Amino acid sequence: MFDDYYLLESETIEQEDIVCHLENLISMLKRYDNYEIAFVSEKDFYDMTNTCWAIKGNLCVFIESLNESNHIKKNFIATEKNIVQAFNDYFAKTWRNIPRENKEKANTIRFLQSLINICR
């Protein structure tokens, strides 16, 4: 299921595009040992639903936040060393709290393949 706020209203995604993205995820998971994906429930991680962030090394954090009530998206970059380290620490703690079966590559690949099969 897609997030309504992520997609532009005039844009539709073709099944073949979805399959292409899922196949790319599988390829990345198989090719790179450090590439991992975890599936979590919103009820377990409800505080993360409207904020996305990515850490680039120990240099900076890219942050995107969406206000659901007015659909305003805000983007930030933090480069202060202590803030970047805090995000690294938070991610590590969160990752440790995700059940092992939700982040095992074999399970992830099987699940992604099942989504591909549904799309075809």
PDB file of N, CA and C in Angstrom:
ATOM      1  N   MET A   1       0.849  -1.167   0.000  1.00  0.00           N
ATOM      2  CA  MET A   1       0.000   0.000   0.000  1.00  0.00           C
ATOM      3  C   MET A   1       0.895   1.231   0.000  1.00  0.00           C
ATOM      4  N   PHE A   2       0.500   2.256  -0.713  1.00  0.00           N
ATOM      5  CA  PHE A   2       1.301   3.458  -0.836  1.00  0.00           C
ATOM      6  C   PHE A   2       0.772   4.563   0.068  1.00  0.00           C
ATOM      7  N   ASP A   3       1.695   5.389   0.527  1.00  0.00           N
ATOM      8  CA  ASP A   3       1.364   6.539   1.350  1.00  0.00           C
ATOM      9  C   ASP A   3       0.791   7.624   0.438  1.00  0.00           C
ATOM     10  N   ASP A   4      -0.427   8.051   0.705  1.00  0.00           N
ATOM     11  CA  ASP A   4      -1.078   9.068  -0.125  1.00  0.00           C
ATOM     12  C   ASP A   4      -0.287  10.367  -0.179  1.00  0.00           C
ATOM     13  N   TYR A   5       0.445  10.675   0.878  1.00  0.00           N
ATOM     14  CA  TYR A   5       1.195  11.918   0.908  1.00  0.00           C
ATOM     15  C   TYR A   5       2.466  11.839   0.081  1.00  0.00           C
ATOM     16  N   TYR A   6       2.930  10.623  -0.176  1.00  0.00           N
ATOM     17  CA  TYR A   6       4.170  10.450  -0.923  1.00  0.00           C
ATOM     18  C   TYR A   6       3.957  10.649  -2.422  1.00  0.00           C
ATOM     19  N   LEU A   7       2.852  10.177  -2.917  1.00  0.00           N
ATOM     20  CA  LEU A   7       2.586  10.238  -4.348  1.00  0.00           C
ATOM     21  C   LEU A   7       1.888  11.533  -4.723  1.00  0.00           C
ATOM     22  N   LEU A   8       2.250  12.058  -5.860  1.00  0.00           N
ATOM     23  CA  LEU A   8       1.533  13.217  -6.372  1.00  0.00           C
ATOM     24  C   LEU A   8       0.175  12.746  -6.870  1.00  0.00           C
ATOM     25  N   GLU A   9      -0.831  13.557  -6.697  1.00  0.00           N
ATOM     26  CA  GLU A   9      -2.185  13.137  -7.061  1.00  0.00           C
ATOM     27  C   GLU A   9      -2.313  12.773  -8.528  1.00  0.00           C
ATOM     28  N   SER A  10      -1.582  13.426  -9.398  1.00  0.00           N
ATOM     29  CA  SER A  10      -1.710  13.171 -10.825  1.00  0.00           C
ATOM     30  C   SER A  10      -0.839  12.013 -11.304  1.00  0.00           C
ATOM     31  N   GLU A  11      -0.071  11.427 -10.403  1.00  0.00           N
ATOM     32  CA  GLU A  11       0.884  10.401 -10.784  1.00  0.00           C
ATOM     33  C   GLU A  11       0.361   9.010 -10.416  1.00  0.00           C
ATOM     34  N   THR A  12       0.508   8.077 -11.327  1.00  0.00           N
ATOM     35  CA  THR A  12       0.175   6.692 -11.020  1.00  0.00           C
ATOM     36  C   THR A  12       1.410   5.853 -11.253  1.00  0.00           C
ATOM     37  N   ILE A  13       1.532   4.812 -10.486  1.00  0.00           N
ATOM     38  CA  ILE A  13       2.679   3.926 -10.603  1.00  0.00           C
ATOM     39  C   ILE A  13       2.233   2.649 -11.306  1.00  0.00           C
ATOM     40  N   GLU A  14       2.943   2.296 -12.338  1.00  0.00           N
ATOM     41  CA  GLU A  14       2.640   1.084 -13.095  1.00  0.00           C
ATOM     42  C   GLU A  14       3.168  -0.127 -12.339  1.00  0.00           C
ATOM     43  N   GLN A  15       2.500  -1.262 -12.521  1.00  0.00           N
ATOM     44  CA  GLN A  15       2.924  -2.507 -11.870  1.00  0.00           C
ATOM     45  C   GLN A  15       4.368  -2.845 -12.225  1.00  0.00           C
ATOM     46  N   GLU A  16       4.757  -2.639 -13.476  1.00  0.00           N
ATOM     47  CA  GLU A  16       6.126  -2.973 -13.884  1.00  0.00           C
ATOM     48  C   GLU A  16       7.156  -2.108 -13.169  1.00  0.00           C
ATOM     49  N   ASP A  17       6.796  -0.860 -12.835  1.00  0.00           N
ATOM     50  CA  ASP A  17       7.704  -0.005 -12.072  1.00  0.00           C
ATOM     51  C   ASP A  17       7.858  -0.524 -10.645  1.00  0.00           C
ATOM     52  N   ILE A  18       6.766  -0.960 -10.067  1.00  0.00           N
ATOM     53  CA  ILE A  18       6.814  -1.531  -8.718  1.00  0.00           C
ATOM     54  C   ILE A  18       7.698  -2.765  -8.718  1.00  0.00           C
ATOM     55  N   VAL A  19       7.498  -3.639  -9.697  1.00  0.00           N
ATOM     56  CA  VAL A  19       8.308  -4.862  -9.803  1.00  0.00           C
ATOM     57  C   VAL A  19       9.783  -4.504  -9.952  1.00  0.00           C
ATOM     58  N   CYS A  20      10.082  -3.513 -10.765  1.00  0.00           N
ATOM     59  CA  CYS A  20      11.463  -3.083 -10.975  1.00  0.00           C
ATOM     60  C   CYS A  20      12.099  -2.628  -9.657  1.00  0.00           C
ATOM     61  N   HIS A  21      11.391  -1.839  -8.882  1.00  0.00           N
ATOM     62  CA  HIS A  21      11.916  -1.363  -7.592  1.00  0.00           C
ATOM     63  C   HIS A  21      12.106  -2.520  -6.614  1.00  0.00           C
ATOM     64  N   LEU A  22      11.152  -3.426  -6.563  1.00  0.00           N
ATOM     65  CA  LEU A  22      11.273  -4.574  -5.663  1.00  0.00           C
ATOM     66  C   LEU A  22      12.433  -5.470  -6.071  1.00  0.00           C
ATOM     67  N   GLU A  23      12.601  -5.695  -7.373  1.00  0.00           N
ATOM     68  CA  GLU A  23      13.728  -6.510  -7.848  1.00  0.00           C
ATOM     69  C   GLU A  23      15.058  -5.836  -7.523  1.00  0.00           C
ATOM     70  N   ASN A  24      15.098  -4.511  -7.607  1.00  0.00           N
ATOM     71  CA  ASN A  24      16.313  -3.788  -7.244  1.00  0.00           C
ATOM     72  C   ASN A  24      16.623  -3.959  -5.757  1.00  0.00           C
ATOM     73  N   LEU A  25      15.607  -3.901  -4.919  1.00  0.00           N
ATOM     74  CA  LEU A  25      15.827  -4.122  -3.479  1.00  0.00           C
ATOM     75  C   LEU A  25      16.412  -5.505  -3.230  1.00  0.00           C
ATOM     76  N   ILE A  26      15.847  -6.510  -3.882  1.00  0.00           N
ATOM     77  CA  ILE A  26      16.343  -7.877  -3.718  1.00  0.00           C
ATOM     78  C   ILE A  26      17.794  -7.961  -4.175  1.00  0.00           C
ATOM     79  N   SER A  27      18.094  -7.365  -5.306  1.00  0.00           N
ATOM     80  CA  SER A  27      19.462  -7.372  -5.829  1.00  0.00           C
ATOM     81  C   SER A  27      20.435  -6.723  -4.843  1.00  0.00           C
ATOM     82  N   MET A  28      20.062  -5.589  -4.287  1.00  0.00           N
ATOM     83  CA  MET A  28      20.915  -4.897  -3.311  1.00  0.00           C
ATOM     84  C   MET A  28      21.127  -5.749  -2.064  1.00  0.00           C
ATOM     85  N   LEU A  29      20.061  -6.391  -1.594  1.00  0.00           N
ATOM     86  CA  LEU A  29      20.175  -7.240  -0.409  1.00  0.00           C
ATOM     87  C   LEU A  29      21.121  -8.415  -0.649  1.00  0.00           C
ATOM     88  N   LYS A  30      21.060  -8.990  -1.831  1.00  0.00           N
ATOM     89  CA  LYS A  30      21.923 -10.132  -2.155  1.00  0.00           C
ATOM     90  C   LYS A  30      23.373  -9.705  -2.394  1.00  0.00           C
ATOM     91  N   ARG A  31      23.566  -8.550  -2.988  1.00  0.00           N
ATOM     92  CA  ARG A  31      24.901  -8.123  -3.408  1.00  0.00           C
ATOM     93  C   ARG A  31      25.739  -7.548  -2.263  1.00  0.00           C
ATOM     94  N   TYR A  32      25.102  -6.795  -1.368  1.00  0.00           N
ATOM     95  CA  TYR A  32      25.856  -6.060  -0.350  1.00  0.00           C
ATOM     96  C   TYR A  32      25.542  -6.572   1.058  1.00  0.00           C
ATOM     97  N   ASP A  33      26.584  -7.004   1.747  1.00  0.00           N
ATOM     98  CA  ASP A  33      26.418  -7.517   3.112  1.00  0.00           C
ATOM     99  C   ASP A  33      25.880  -6.453   4.063  1.00  0.00           C
ATOM    100  N   ASN A  34      26.260  -5.200   3.857  1.00  0.00           N
ATOM    101  CA  ASN A  34      25.848  -4.143   4.784  1.00  0.00           C
ATOM    102  C   ASN A  34      24.499  -3.522   4.430  1.00  0.00           C
ATOM    103  N   TYR A  35      23.849  -4.000   3.364  1.00  0.00           N
ATOM    104  CA  TYR A  35      22.544  -3.468   2.965  1.00  0.00           C
ATOM    105  C   TYR A  35      21.470  -4.303   3.648  1.00  0.00           C
ATOM    106  N   GLU A  36      20.645  -3.651   4.468  1.00  0.00           N
ATOM    107  CA  GLU A  36      19.626  -4.362   5.219  1.00  0.00           C
ATOM    108  C   GLU A  36      18.323  -3.575   5.215  1.00  0.00           C
ATOM    109  N   ILE A  37      17.228  -4.312   5.324  1.00  0.00           N
ATOM    110  CA  ILE A  37      15.904  -3.722   5.408  1.00  0.00           C
ATOM    111  C   ILE A  37      15.166  -4.440   6.533  1.00  0.00           C
ATOM    112  N   ALA A  38      14.398  -3.701   7.290  1.00  0.00           N
ATOM    113  CA  ALA A  38      13.565  -4.312   8.323  1.00  0.00           C
ATOM    114  C   ALA A  38      12.126  -3.880   8.111  1.00  0.00           C
ATOM    115  N   PHE A  39      11.218  -4.788   8.383  1.00  0.00           N
ATOM    116  CA  PHE A  39       9.793  -4.480   8.310  1.00  0.00           C
ATOM    117  C   PHE A  39       9.267  -4.359   9.733  1.00  0.00           C
ATOM    118  N   VAL A  40       8.604  -3.242   9.984  1.00  0.00           N
ATOM    119  CA  VAL A  40       8.081  -2.987  11.324  1.00  0.00           C
ATOM    120  C   VAL A  40       6.619  -2.578  11.232  1.00  0.00           C
ATOM    121  N   SER A  41       5.938  -2.725  12.333  1.00  0.00           N
ATOM    122  CA  SER A  41       4.541  -2.334  12.425  1.00  0.00           C
ATOM    123  C   SER A  41       4.456  -0.884  12.897  1.00  0.00           C
ATOM    124  N   GLU A  42       3.542  -0.148  12.321  1.00  0.00           N
ATOM    125  CA  GLU A  42       3.351   1.237  12.761  1.00  0.00           C
ATOM    126  C   GLU A  42       2.999   1.309  14.242  1.00  0.00           C
ATOM    127  N   LYS A  43       2.272   0.336  14.741  1.00  0.00           N
ATOM    128  CA  LYS A  43       1.881   0.376  16.152  1.00  0.00           C
ATOM    129  C   LYS A  43       3.093   0.219  17.073  1.00  0.00           C
ATOM    130  N   ASP A  44       4.146  -0.455  16.585  1.00  0.00           N
ATOM    131  CA  ASP A  44       5.353  -0.621  17.386  1.00  0.00           C
ATOM    132  C   ASP A  44       6.281   0.581  17.288  1.00  0.00           C
ATOM    133  N   PHE A  45       6.207   1.299  16.181  1.00  0.00           N
ATOM    134  CA  PHE A  45       7.092   2.429  15.953  1.00  0.00           C
ATOM    135  C   PHE A  45       6.292   3.644  15.497  1.00  0.00           C
ATOM    136  N   TYR A  46       5.227   3.955  16.210  1.00  0.00           N
ATOM    137  CA  TYR A  46       4.309   5.018  15.809  1.00  0.00           C
ATOM    138  C   TYR A  46       4.967   6.386  15.788  1.00  0.00           C
ATOM    139  N   ASP A  47       6.022   6.581  16.539  1.00  0.00           N
ATOM    140  CA  ASP A  47       6.651   7.893  16.599  1.00  0.00           C
ATOM    141  C   ASP A  47       7.508   8.195  15.367  1.00  0.00           C
ATOM    142  N   MET A  48       7.674   7.228  14.465  1.00  0.00           N
ATOM    143  CA  MET A  48       8.504   7.447  13.276  1.00  0.00           C
ATOM    144  C   MET A  48       7.696   7.689  12.016  1.00  0.00           C
ATOM    145  N   THR A  49       6.402   7.647  12.072  1.00  0.00           N
ATOM    146  CA  THR A  49       5.607   7.597  10.849  1.00  0.00           C
ATOM    147  C   THR A  49       5.669   8.847   9.988  1.00  0.00           C
ATOM    148  N   ASN A  50       5.893  10.012  10.536  1.00  0.00           N
ATOM    149  CA  ASN A  50       5.861  11.236   9.730  1.00  0.00           C
ATOM    150  C   ASN A  50       7.225  11.887   9.558  1.00  0.00           C
ATOM    151  N   THR A  51       8.261  11.201   9.980  1.00  0.00           N
ATOM    152  CA  THR A  51       9.601  11.742   9.848  1.00  0.00           C
ATOM    153  C   THR A  51      10.509  10.686   9.247  1.00  0.00           C
ATOM    154  N   CYS A  52      11.219  11.083   8.197  1.00  0.00           N
ATOM    155  CA  CYS A  52      12.196  10.201   7.566  1.00  0.00           C
ATOM    156  C   CYS A  52      13.560  10.869   7.698  1.00  0.00           C
ATOM    157  N   TRP A  53      14.572  10.054   7.905  1.00  0.00           N
ATOM    158  CA  TRP A  53      15.904  10.630   8.002  1.00  0.00           C
ATOM    159  C   TRP A  53      16.936   9.630   7.523  1.00  0.00           C
ATOM    160  N   ALA A  54      18.044  10.170   7.050  1.00  0.00           N
ATOM    161  CA  ALA A  54      19.157   9.354   6.571  1.00  0.00           C
ATOM    162  C   ALA A  54      20.448   9.956   7.096  1.00  0.00           C
ATOM    163  N   ILE A  55      21.304   9.093   7.584  1.00  0.00           N
ATOM    164  CA  ILE A  55      22.592   9.534   8.122  1.00  0.00           C
ATOM    165  C   ILE A  55      23.657   9.278   7.063  1.00  0.00           C
ATOM    166  N   LYS A  56      24.448  10.279   6.757  1.00  0.00           N
ATOM    167  CA  LYS A  56      25.551  10.121   5.812  1.00  0.00           C
ATOM    168  C   LYS A  56      26.843  10.071   6.610  1.00  0.00           C
ATOM    169  N   GLY A  57      27.315   8.837   6.807  1.00  0.00           N
ATOM    170  CA  GLY A  57      28.528   8.659   7.597  1.00  0.00           C
ATOM    171  C   GLY A  57      28.379   9.280   8.965  1.00  0.00           C
ATOM    172  N   ASN A  58      29.403   9.962   9.407  1.00  0.00           N
ATOM    173  CA  ASN A  58      29.328  10.728  10.656  1.00  0.00           C
ATOM    174  C   ASN A  58      29.303  12.220  10.357  1.00  0.00           C
ATOM    175  N   LEU A  59      28.868  12.551   9.115  1.00  0.00           N
ATOM    176  CA  LEU A  59      28.955  13.930   8.664  1.00  0.00           C
ATOM    177  C   LEU A  59      27.668  14.726   8.817  1.00  0.00           C
ATOM    178  N   CYS A  60      26.536  14.113   8.455  1.00  0.00           N
ATOM    179  CA  CYS A  60      25.296  14.876   8.500  1.00  0.00           C
ATOM    180  C   CYS A  60      24.081  13.947   8.536  1.00  0.00           C
ATOM    181  N   VAL A  61      22.943  14.553   8.858  1.00  0.00           N
ATOM    182  CA  VAL A  61      21.662  13.864   8.888  1.00  0.00           C
ATOM    183  C   VAL A  61      20.713  14.654   8.000  1.00  0.00           C
ATOM    184  N   PHE A  62      20.095  13.954   7.043  1.00  0.00           N
ATOM    185  CA  PHE A  62      19.053  14.556   6.216  1.00  0.00           C
ATOM    186  C   PHE A  62      17.722  14.192   6.867  1.00  0.00           C
ATOM    187  N   ILE A  63      16.880  15.184   7.126  1.00  0.00           N
ATOM    188  CA  ILE A  63      15.626  14.966   7.835  1.00  0.00           C
ATOM    189  C   ILE A  63      14.478  15.532   7.003  1.00  0.00           C
ATOM    190  N   GLU A  64      13.411  14.738   6.876  1.00  0.00           N
ATOM    191  CA  GLU A  64      12.208  15.195   6.189  1.00  0.00           C
ATOM    192  C   GLU A  64      11.027  14.922   7.106  1.00  0.00           C
ATOM    193  N   SER A  65      10.199  15.927   7.302  1.00  0.00           N
ATOM    194  CA  SER A  65       9.049  15.794   8.180  1.00  0.00           C
ATOM    195  C   SER A  65       7.797  16.245   7.441  1.00  0.00           C
ATOM    196  N   LEU A  66       6.708  15.520   7.665  1.00  0.00           N
ATOM    197  CA  LEU A  66       5.445  15.850   7.018  1.00  0.00           C
ATOM    198  C   LEU A  66       4.398  16.114   8.084  1.00  0.00           C
ATOM    199  N   ASN A  67       3.751  17.256   7.988  1.00  0.00           N
ATOM    200  CA  ASN A  67       2.644  17.591   8.865  1.00  0.00           C
ATOM    201  C   ASN A  67       1.367  17.109   8.183  1.00  0.00           C
ATOM    202  N   GLU A  68       0.732  16.083   8.742  1.00  0.00           N
ATOM    203  CA  GLU A  68      -0.443  15.486   8.105  1.00  0.00           C
ATOM    204  C   GLU A  68      -1.626  16.434   8.000  1.00  0.00           C
ATOM    205  N   SER A  69      -1.772  17.333   8.952  1.00  0.00           N
ATOM    206  CA  SER A  69      -2.964  18.184   8.949  1.00  0.00           C
ATOM    207  C   SER A  69      -2.977  19.175   7.784  1.00  0.00           C
ATOM    208  N   ASN A  70      -1.805  19.690   7.397  1.00  0.00           N
ATOM    209  CA  ASN A  70      -1.786  20.652   6.292  1.00  0.00           C
ATOM    210  C   ASN A  70      -0.898  20.191   5.129  1.00  0.00           C
ATOM    211  N   HIS A  71      -0.421  18.977   5.177  1.00  0.00           N
ATOM    212  CA  HIS A  71       0.381  18.364   4.099  1.00  0.00           C
ATOM    213  C   HIS A  71       1.623  19.173   3.748  1.00  0.00           C
ATOM    214  N   ILE A  72       2.212  19.819   4.732  1.00  0.00           N
ATOM    215  CA  ILE A  72       3.422  20.593   4.489  1.00  0.00           C
ATOM    216  C   ILE A  72       4.630  19.727   4.833  1.00  0.00           C
ATOM    217  N   LYS A  73       5.548  19.650   3.869  1.00  0.00           N
ATOM    218  CA  LYS A  73       6.762  18.876   4.039  1.00  0.00           C
ATOM    219  C   LYS A  73       7.907  19.834   4.342  1.00  0.00           C
ATOM    220  N   LYS A  74       8.728  19.480   5.328  1.00  0.00           N
ATOM    221  CA  LYS A  74       9.884  20.294   5.674  1.00  0.00           C
ATOM    222  C   LYS A  74      11.131  19.429   5.593  1.00  0.00           C
ATOM    223  N   ASN A  75      12.189  19.978   5.035  1.00  0.00           N
ATOM    224  CA  ASN A  75      13.455  19.279   4.905  1.00  0.00           C
ATOM    225  C   ASN A  75      14.538  20.029   5.672  1.00  0.00           C
ATOM    226  N   PHE A  76      15.396  19.268   6.334  1.00  0.00           N
ATOM    227  CA  PHE A  76      16.471  19.848   7.126  1.00  0.00           C
ATOM    228  C   PHE A  76      17.749  19.044   6.909  1.00  0.00           C
ATOM    229  N   ILE A  77      18.869  19.685   7.153  1.00  0.00           N
ATOM    230  CA  ILE A  77      20.156  19.004   7.207  1.00  0.00           C
ATOM    231  C   ILE A  77      20.820  19.438   8.503  1.00  0.00           C
ATOM    232  N   ALA A  78      21.272  18.450   9.279  1.00  0.00           N
ATOM    233  CA  ALA A  78      22.000  18.742  10.516  1.00  0.00           C
ATOM    234  C   ALA A  78      23.425  18.237  10.342  1.00  0.00           C
ATOM    235  N   THR A  79      24.396  19.097  10.634  1.00  0.00           N
ATOM    236  CA  THR A  79      25.797  18.703  10.497  1.00  0.00           C
ATOM    237  C   THR A  79      26.565  18.760  11.818  1.00  0.00           C
ATOM    238  N   GLU A  80      25.923  19.248  12.854  1.00  0.00           N
ATOM    239  CA  GLU A  80      26.586  19.340  14.158  1.00  0.00           C
ATOM    240  C   GLU A  80      26.900  17.929  14.651  1.00  0.00           C
ATOM    241  N   LYS A  81      28.137  17.703  15.044  1.00  0.00           N
ATOM    242  CA  LYS A  81      28.652  16.371  15.389  1.00  0.00           C
ATOM    243  C   LYS A  81      27.803  15.651  16.442  1.00  0.00           C
ATOM    244  N   ASN A  82      27.379  16.337  17.481  1.00  0.00           N
ATOM    245  CA  ASN A  82      26.604  15.696  18.545  1.00  0.00           C
ATOM    246  C   ASN A  82      25.205  15.290  18.071  1.00  0.00           C
ATOM    247  N   ILE A  83      24.625  16.085  17.178  1.00  0.00           N
ATOM    248  CA  ILE A  83      23.303  15.741  16.639  1.00  0.00           C
ATOM    249  C   ILE A  83      23.408  14.518  15.740  1.00  0.00           C
ATOM    250  N   VAL A  84      24.423  14.497  14.882  1.00  0.00           N
ATOM    251  CA  VAL A  84      24.630  13.337  14.006  1.00  0.00           C
ATOM    252  C   VAL A  84      24.854  12.087  14.849  1.00  0.00           C
ATOM    253  N   GLN A  85      25.666  12.188  15.896  1.00  0.00           N
ATOM    254  CA  GLN A  85      25.917  11.037  16.765  1.00  0.00           C
ATOM    255  C   GLN A  85      24.645  10.595  17.484  1.00  0.00           C
ATOM    256  N   ALA A  86      23.809  11.544  17.875  1.00  0.00           N
ATOM    257  CA  ALA A  86      22.547  11.192  18.534  1.00  0.00           C
ATOM    258  C   ALA A  86      21.643  10.399  17.588  1.00  0.00           C
ATOM    259  N   PHE A  87      21.585  10.792  16.318  1.00  0.00           N
ATOM    260  CA  PHE A  87      20.803  10.036  15.335  1.00  0.00           C
ATOM    261  C   PHE A  87      21.390   8.648  15.121  1.00  0.00           C
ATOM    262  N   ASN A  88      22.726   8.548  15.062  1.00  0.00           N
ATOM    263  CA  ASN A  88      23.372   7.240  14.947  1.00  0.00           C
ATOM    264  C   ASN A  88      23.007   6.346  16.132  1.00  0.00           C
ATOM    265  N   ASP A  89      23.078   6.903  17.323  1.00  0.00           N
ATOM    266  CA  ASP A  89      22.754   6.138  18.539  1.00  0.00           C
ATOM    267  C   ASP A  89      21.283   5.709  18.547  1.00  0.00           C
ATOM    268  N   TYR A  90      20.405   6.630  18.152  1.00  0.00           N
ATOM    269  CA  TYR A  90      18.972   6.322  18.115  1.00  0.00           C
ATOM    270  C   TYR A  90      18.686   5.206  17.113  1.00  0.00           C
ATOM    271  N   PHE A  91      19.311   5.289  15.942  1.00  0.00           N
ATOM    272  CA  PHE A  91      19.121   4.245  14.941  1.00  0.00           C
ATOM    273  C   PHE A  91      19.601   2.896  15.472  1.00  0.00           C
ATOM    274  N   ALA A  92      20.789   2.861  16.070  1.00  0.00           N
ATOM    275  CA  ALA A  92      21.337   1.604  16.583  1.00  0.00           C
ATOM    276  C   ALA A  92      20.407   1.000  17.642  1.00  0.00           C
ATOM    277  N   LYS A  93      19.890   1.835  18.521  1.00  0.00           N
ATOM    278  CA  LYS A  93      18.963   1.356  19.558  1.00  0.00           C
ATOM    279  C   LYS A  93      17.679   0.823  18.929  1.00  0.00           C
ATOM    280  N   THR A  94      17.139   1.559  17.967  1.00  0.00           N
ATOM    281  CA  THR A  94      15.910   1.140  17.293  1.00  0.00           C
ATOM    282  C   THR A  94      16.132  -0.177  16.555  1.00  0.00           C
ATOM    283  N   TRP A  95      17.239  -0.289  15.835  1.00  0.00           N
ATOM    284  CA  TRP A  95      17.546  -1.505  15.070  1.00  0.00           C
ATOM    285  C   TRP A  95      17.631  -2.717  15.999  1.00  0.00           C
ATOM    286  N   ARG A  96      18.246  -2.536  17.164  1.00  0.00           N
ATOM    287  CA  ARG A  96      18.360  -3.647  18.129  1.00  0.00           C
ATOM    288  C   ARG A  96      16.996  -4.088  18.634  1.00  0.00           C
ATOM    289  N   ASN A  97      16.012  -3.184  18.679  1.00  0.00           N
ATOM    290  CA  ASN A  97      14.685  -3.512  19.197  1.00  0.00           C
ATOM    291  C   ASN A  97      13.764  -4.163  18.175  1.00  0.00           C
ATOM    292  N   ILE A  98      14.175  -4.214  16.931  1.00  0.00           N
ATOM    293  CA  ILE A  98      13.362  -4.861  15.894  1.00  0.00           C
ATOM    294  C   ILE A  98      13.583  -6.366  15.993  1.00  0.00           C
ATOM    295  N   PRO A  99      12.512  -7.146  16.031  1.00  0.00           N
ATOM    296  CA  PRO A  99      12.679  -8.604  16.112  1.00  0.00           C
ATOM    297  C   PRO A  99      13.544  -9.135  14.975  1.00  0.00           C
ATOM    298  N   ARG A 100      14.368 -10.130  15.287  1.00  0.00           N
ATOM    299  CA  ARG A 100      15.313 -10.686  14.318  1.00  0.00           C
ATOM    300  C   ARG A 100      14.636 -11.142  13.029  1.00  0.00           C
ATOM    301  N   GLU A 101      13.484 -11.802  13.152  1.00  0.00           N
ATOM    302  CA  GLU A 101      12.809 -12.319  11.949  1.00  0.00           C
ATOM    303  C   GLU A 101      12.335 -11.196  11.023  1.00  0.00           C
ATOM    304  N   ASN A 102      12.167  -9.979  11.553  1.00  0.00           N
ATOM    305  CA  ASN A 102      11.727  -8.843  10.734  1.00  0.00           C
ATOM    306  C   ASN A 102      12.865  -8.209   9.943  1.00  0.00           C
ATOM    307  N   LYS A 103      14.107  -8.602  10.244  1.00  0.00           N
ATOM    308  CA  LYS A 103      15.242  -8.001   9.541  1.00  0.00           C
ATOM    309  C   LYS A 103      16.202  -9.034   8.952  1.00  0.00           C
ATOM    310  N   GLU A 104      15.855 -10.312   9.020  1.00  0.00           N
ATOM    311  CA  GLU A 104      16.690 -11.329   8.387  1.00  0.00           C
ATOM    312  C   GLU A 104      16.549 -11.226   6.869  1.00  0.00           C
ATOM    313  N   LYS A 105      17.669 -11.241   6.180  1.00  0.00           N
ATOM    314  CA  LYS A 105      17.659 -11.045   4.730  1.00  0.00           C
ATOM    315  C   LYS A 105      16.838 -12.102   4.007  1.00  0.00           C
ATOM    316  N   ALA A 106      16.954 -13.344   4.420  1.00  0.00           N
ATOM    317  CA  ALA A 106      16.207 -14.410   3.730  1.00  0.00           C
ATOM    318  C   ALA A 106      14.708 -14.163   3.828  1.00  0.00           C
ATOM    319  N   ASN A 107      14.231 -13.774   5.002  1.00  0.00           N
ATOM    320  CA  ASN A 107      12.802 -13.464   5.166  1.00  0.00           C
ATOM    321  C   ASN A 107      12.406 -12.253   4.329  1.00  0.00           C
ATOM    322  N   THR A 108      13.256 -11.237   4.333  1.00  0.00           N
ATOM    323  CA  THR A 108      12.975 -10.022   3.579  1.00  0.00           C
ATOM    324  C   THR A 108      12.888 -10.326   2.087  1.00  0.00           C
ATOM    325  N   ILE A 109      13.837 -11.094   1.585  1.00  0.00           N
ATOM    326  CA  ILE A 109      13.847 -11.431   0.158  1.00  0.00           C
ATOM    327  C   ILE A 109      12.612 -12.244  -0.201  1.00  0.00           C
ATOM    328  N   ARG A 110      12.238 -13.205   0.639  1.00  0.00           N
ATOM    329  CA  ARG A 110      11.020 -13.994   0.378  1.00  0.00           C
ATOM    330  C   ARG A 110       9.788 -13.100   0.337  1.00  0.00           C
ATOM    331  N   PHE A 111       9.698 -12.163   1.277  1.00  0.00           N
ATOM    332  CA  PHE A 111       8.553 -11.271   1.319  1.00  0.00           C
ATOM    333  C   PHE A 111       8.508 -10.377   0.076  1.00  0.00           C
ATOM    334  N   LEU A 112       9.643  -9.801  -0.286  1.00  0.00           N
ATOM    335  CA  LEU A 112       9.685  -8.943  -1.479  1.00  0.00           C
ATOM    336  C   LEU A 112       9.335  -9.741  -2.732  1.00  0.00           C
ATOM    337  N   GLN A 113       9.815 -10.982  -2.810  1.00  0.00           N
ATOM    338  CA  GLN A 113       9.485 -11.827  -3.957  1.00  0.00           C
ATOM    339  C   GLN A 113       7.988 -12.116  -3.999  1.00  0.00           C
ATOM    340  N   SER A 114       7.362 -12.294  -2.834  1.00  0.00           N
ATOM    341  CA  SER A 114       5.919 -12.538  -2.813  1.00  0.00           C
ATOM    342  C   SER A 114       5.156 -11.303  -3.319  1.00  0.00           C
ATOM    343  N   LEU A 115       5.682 -10.108  -3.019  1.00  0.00           N
ATOM    344  CA  LEU A 115       5.053  -8.890  -3.536  1.00  0.00           C
ATOM    345  C   LEU A 115       5.207  -8.801  -5.058  1.00  0.00           C
ATOM    346  N   ILE A 116       6.355  -9.213  -5.553  1.00  0.00           N
ATOM    347  CA  ILE A 116       6.557  -9.248  -7.012  1.00  0.00           C
ATOM    348  C   ILE A 116       5.566 -10.199  -7.660  1.00  0.00           C
ATOM    349  N   ASN A 117       5.398 -11.366  -7.045  1.00  0.00           N
ATOM    350  CA  ASN A 117       4.451 -12.350  -7.591  1.00  0.00           C
ATOM    351  C   ASN A 117       3.036 -11.804  -7.609  1.00  0.00           C
ATOM    352  N   ILE A 118       2.660 -11.055  -6.599  1.00  0.00           N
ATOM    353  CA  ILE A 118       1.320 -10.442  -6.548  1.00  0.00           C
ATOM    354  C   ILE A 118       1.174  -9.418  -7.667  1.00  0.00           C
ATOM    355  N   CYS A 119       2.219  -8.640  -7.924  1.00  0.00           N
ATOM    356  CA  CYS A 119       2.167  -7.603  -8.954  1.00  0.00           C
ATOM    357  C   CYS A 119       2.088  -8.196 -10.352  1.00  0.00           C
ATOM    358  N   ARG A 120       2.656  -9.360 -10.530  1.00  0.00           N
ATOM    359  CA  ARG A 120       2.632  -9.991 -11.856  1.00  0.00           C
ATOM    360  C   ARG A 120       1.356 -10.710 -12.010  1.00  0.00           C
TER     361      ARG A 120
END
